[in-house]
Amino acid sequence: MTDAQDTEHGGPAVPQTRMARHRRIVDILNRQPVRSQSQLAKLLADNGLSVTQATLSRDLDELGAVKIRNTGGELIYAVPSEGGFRTPQAPLGESAKEERMRRLSAELLISAEASANLVVLRTPPGAAQFLASAIDQAELHDILGTIAGDDTLMLISRDPAGGQALADHLLRLAQNDR
């Protein structure tokens, strides 16, 4: 067995560790409604992780996953949010995620500077990880990843020369000019 596997869809290699599996489970549960462990096992397999039902059951328990009713009335798995809000909730819709990112950008973004495919964002002390989380949850295709410190975020644009366009977009969001 290798330490990592390429996903069938050509995505990044996934390490075969408990923590990587937990991260992938949380990502899946936050992105789409999952009604059963068998559905989750299939989604994990599609992402290069094959697990037994017993392992999946243990993982869900360790993550604090519970079944809740979403806005459509379906019972789905949910995990507590990272950070202070610990009550599991159904995943936000795309427009709600983007609206949250826009609102937090308006409240927290002090400046944005770009170089090639990198963007450096400045926030008040202690706010960078909060804004980074909102950006990550918005799942913008143009953003390959984020790194956050205390008051600084670094975003990586998928486009090798896309940093300035991304910085401009985030500044427009912060000024409530979509």
Protein backbone atom coordinates (compact mmCIF):
# COMPACT_ATOMS: atom_id res chain seq x y z
CA MET A 1 0.00 0.00 0.00
CA THR A 2 1.34 3.44 -0.85
CA ASP A 3 1.27 6.44 1.45
CA ALA A 4 -0.86 8.37 -1.02
CA GLN A 5 -3.17 7.60 -3.90
CA ASP A 6 -4.11 9.67 -6.93
CA THR A 7 -7.84 10.19 -7.21
CA GLU A 8 -9.60 8.83 -10.26
CA HIS A 9 -10.42 12.33 -11.46
CA GLY A 10 -6.77 13.40 -11.46
CA GLY A 11 -6.99 15.35 -8.21
CA PRO A 12 -4.27 15.61 -5.61
CA ALA A 13 -2.87 12.54 -3.93
CA VAL A 14 -4.63 11.66 -0.69
CA PRO A 15 -2.52 10.32 2.17
CA GLN A 16 -3.98 7.19 3.73
CA THR A 17 -3.96 8.51 7.30
CA ARG A 18 -6.72 8.86 9.86
CA MET A 19 -6.38 12.67 9.88
CA ALA A 20 -6.51 12.90 6.08
CA ARG A 21 -9.57 10.65 6.07
CA HIS A 22 -11.26 12.81 8.73
CA ARG A 23 -10.49 15.97 6.74
CA ARG A 24 -11.93 14.42 3.59
CA ILE A 25 -15.09 13.30 5.46
CA VAL A 26 -15.62 16.81 6.84
CA ASP A 27 -15.06 18.33 3.38
CA ILE A 28 -17.63 15.99 1.82
CA LEU A 29 -20.22 16.56 4.56
CA ASN A 30 -19.78 20.33 4.25
CA ARG A 31 -20.15 20.27 0.44
CA GLN A 32 -23.16 18.05 -0.10
CA PRO A 33 -25.96 16.27 1.73
CA VAL A 34 -24.99 12.73 2.73
CA ARG A 35 -27.85 10.51 3.86
CA SER A 36 -26.07 7.24 4.70
CA GLN A 37 -22.74 5.72 5.59
CA SER A 38 -22.79 3.70 2.37
CA GLN A 39 -23.21 6.91 0.34
CA LEU A 40 -20.31 8.48 2.26
CA ALA A 41 -18.15 5.38 1.71
CA LYS A 42 -18.79 5.64 -2.05
CA LEU A 43 -17.94 9.35 -2.09
CA LEU A 44 -14.72 8.63 -0.19
CA ALA A 45 -13.87 5.83 -2.64
CA ASP A 46 -14.48 8.26 -5.53
CA ASN A 47 -11.88 10.49 -3.83
CA GLY A 48 -9.30 7.72 -3.53
CA LEU A 49 -10.06 6.57 0.02
CA SER A 50 -11.46 3.11 0.59
CA VAL A 51 -12.78 2.42 4.10
CA THR A 52 -14.72 -0.31 5.85
CA GLN A 53 -18.12 0.39 7.37
CA ALA A 54 -16.66 -0.12 10.87
CA THR A 55 -13.89 2.43 10.23
CA LEU A 56 -16.35 4.91 8.77
CA SER A 57 -18.69 4.50 11.73
CA ARG A 58 -15.79 5.09 14.14
CA ASP A 59 -14.63 8.14 12.13
CA LEU A 60 -18.11 9.69 12.21
CA ASP A 61 -18.27 9.14 15.97
CA GLU A 62 -14.81 10.69 16.50
CA LEU A 63 -15.82 13.70 14.40
CA GLY A 64 -19.01 14.20 16.41
CA ALA A 65 -21.15 13.73 13.29
CA VAL A 66 -24.88 13.50 13.83
CA LYS A 67 -27.91 13.25 11.58
CA ILE A 68 -29.93 16.44 11.32
CA ARG A 69 -32.82 17.59 9.16
CA ASN A 70 -31.79 19.97 6.38
CA THR A 71 -34.01 22.71 4.98
CA GLY A 72 -35.52 20.18 2.55
CA GLY A 73 -36.57 17.94 5.44
CA GLU A 74 -34.04 15.18 4.67
CA LEU A 75 -31.94 13.54 7.39
CA ILE A 76 -28.29 14.17 6.56
CA TYR A 77 -24.96 13.86 8.36
CA ALA A 78 -23.45 17.05 9.77
CA VAL A 79 -20.36 17.79 11.82
CA PRO A 80 -19.83 20.62 14.29
CA SER A 81 -18.23 23.69 12.74
CA GLU A 82 -14.60 24.46 13.37
CA GLY A 83 -14.14 27.36 15.73
CA GLY A 84 -16.66 28.50 18.31
CA PHE A 85 -19.98 27.32 16.90
CA ARG A 86 -20.20 23.67 17.93
CA THR A 87 -23.82 22.81 17.07
CA PRO A 88 -23.93 20.77 13.84
CA GLN A 89 -25.77 22.51 11.03
CA ALA A 90 -26.66 21.64 7.47
CA PRO A 91 -24.11 22.97 4.96
CA LEU A 92 -24.74 26.48 3.69
CA GLY A 93 -25.85 26.89 0.10
CA GLU A 94 -23.42 28.39 -2.40
CA SER A 95 -25.02 31.84 -2.31
CA ALA A 96 -24.93 31.89 1.51
CA LYS A 97 -21.22 30.94 1.49
CA GLU A 98 -20.40 33.64 -1.03
CA GLU A 99 -22.49 36.19 0.89
CA ARG A 100 -20.66 35.29 4.12
CA MET A 101 -17.31 35.75 2.36
CA ARG A 102 -18.45 39.11 0.98
CA ARG A 103 -19.71 40.29 4.38
CA LEU A 104 -16.54 39.22 6.20
CA SER A 105 -14.36 40.79 3.49
CA ALA A 106 -16.22 44.06 3.97
CA GLU A 107 -15.75 43.85 7.74
CA LEU A 108 -12.19 42.51 7.95
CA LEU A 109 -10.17 43.22 4.80
CA ILE A 110 -7.70 46.08 5.27
CA SER A 111 -5.61 45.66 2.12
CA ALA A 112 -4.83 43.30 -0.74
CA GLU A 113 -1.57 43.14 -2.70
CA ALA A 114 -0.66 40.79 -5.53
CA SER A 115 2.44 39.33 -7.12
CA ALA A 116 2.16 36.80 -9.98
CA ASN A 117 -0.31 34.20 -8.68
CA LEU A 118 -0.08 35.22 -5.01
CA VAL A 119 -2.29 37.60 -3.06
CA VAL A 120 -1.49 38.89 0.42
CA LEU A 121 -4.48 40.11 2.42
CA ARG A 122 -4.20 42.11 5.65
CA THR A 123 -6.83 42.00 8.41
CA PRO A 124 -7.05 43.28 11.98
CA PRO A 125 -5.06 41.19 14.48
CA GLY A 126 -6.68 37.81 15.09
CA ALA A 127 -9.01 37.94 12.08
CA ALA A 128 -6.98 36.32 9.29
CA GLN A 129 -7.97 32.72 10.01
CA PHE A 130 -11.63 33.70 10.27
CA LEU A 131 -11.56 35.37 6.84
CA ALA A 132 -9.51 32.48 5.38
CA SER A 133 -12.15 30.02 6.57
CA ALA A 134 -14.91 32.01 4.85
CA ILE A 135 -12.86 32.16 1.63
CA ASP A 136 -12.17 28.41 1.80
CA GLN A 137 -15.84 27.61 2.38
CA ALA A 138 -16.89 29.77 -0.59
CA GLU A 139 -14.89 27.33 -2.75
CA LEU A 140 -13.95 29.88 -5.40
CA HIS A 141 -12.51 28.04 -8.40
CA ASP A 142 -9.89 30.75 -8.95
CA ILE A 143 -8.30 30.07 -5.55
CA LEU A 144 -6.01 27.07 -5.24
CA GLY A 145 -5.49 27.52 -1.50
CA THR A 146 -5.17 29.84 1.47
CA ILE A 147 -2.68 30.17 4.31
CA ALA A 148 -3.53 32.33 7.32
CA GLY A 149 -1.56 33.73 10.20
CA ASP A 150 -2.76 36.20 12.80
CA ASP A 151 -3.40 39.25 10.62
CA THR A 152 -2.20 38.12 7.18
CA LEU A 153 -3.55 35.68 4.59
CA MET A 154 -1.85 34.40 1.49
CA LEU A 155 -4.04 33.21 -1.37
CA ILE A 156 -2.72 31.23 -4.31
CA SER A 157 -4.45 31.81 -7.63
CA ARG A 158 -4.86 28.92 -10.07
CA ASP A 159 -3.90 31.27 -12.89
CA PRO A 160 -0.10 31.83 -12.90
CA ALA A 161 -0.72 35.54 -13.48
CA GLY A 162 -4.09 35.80 -11.71
CA GLY A 163 -3.04 37.39 -8.43
CA GLN A 164 -3.92 40.97 -9.36
CA ALA A 165 -7.36 40.03 -10.72
CA LEU A 166 -8.06 38.05 -7.55
CA ALA A 167 -6.89 40.91 -5.31
CA ASP A 168 -9.06 43.36 -7.26
CA HIS A 169 -12.07 41.02 -6.95
CA LEU A 170 -11.66 40.72 -3.17
CA LEU A 171 -11.25 44.49 -2.79
CA ARG A 172 -14.47 45.02 -4.78
CA LEU A 173 -16.23 42.55 -2.46
CA ALA A 174 -14.93 44.45 0.56
CA GLN A 175 -16.36 47.66 -0.87
CA ASN A 176 -19.73 45.92 -1.44
CA ASP A 177 -19.32 46.39 -5.19
CA ARG A 178 -19.92 42.93 -6.62
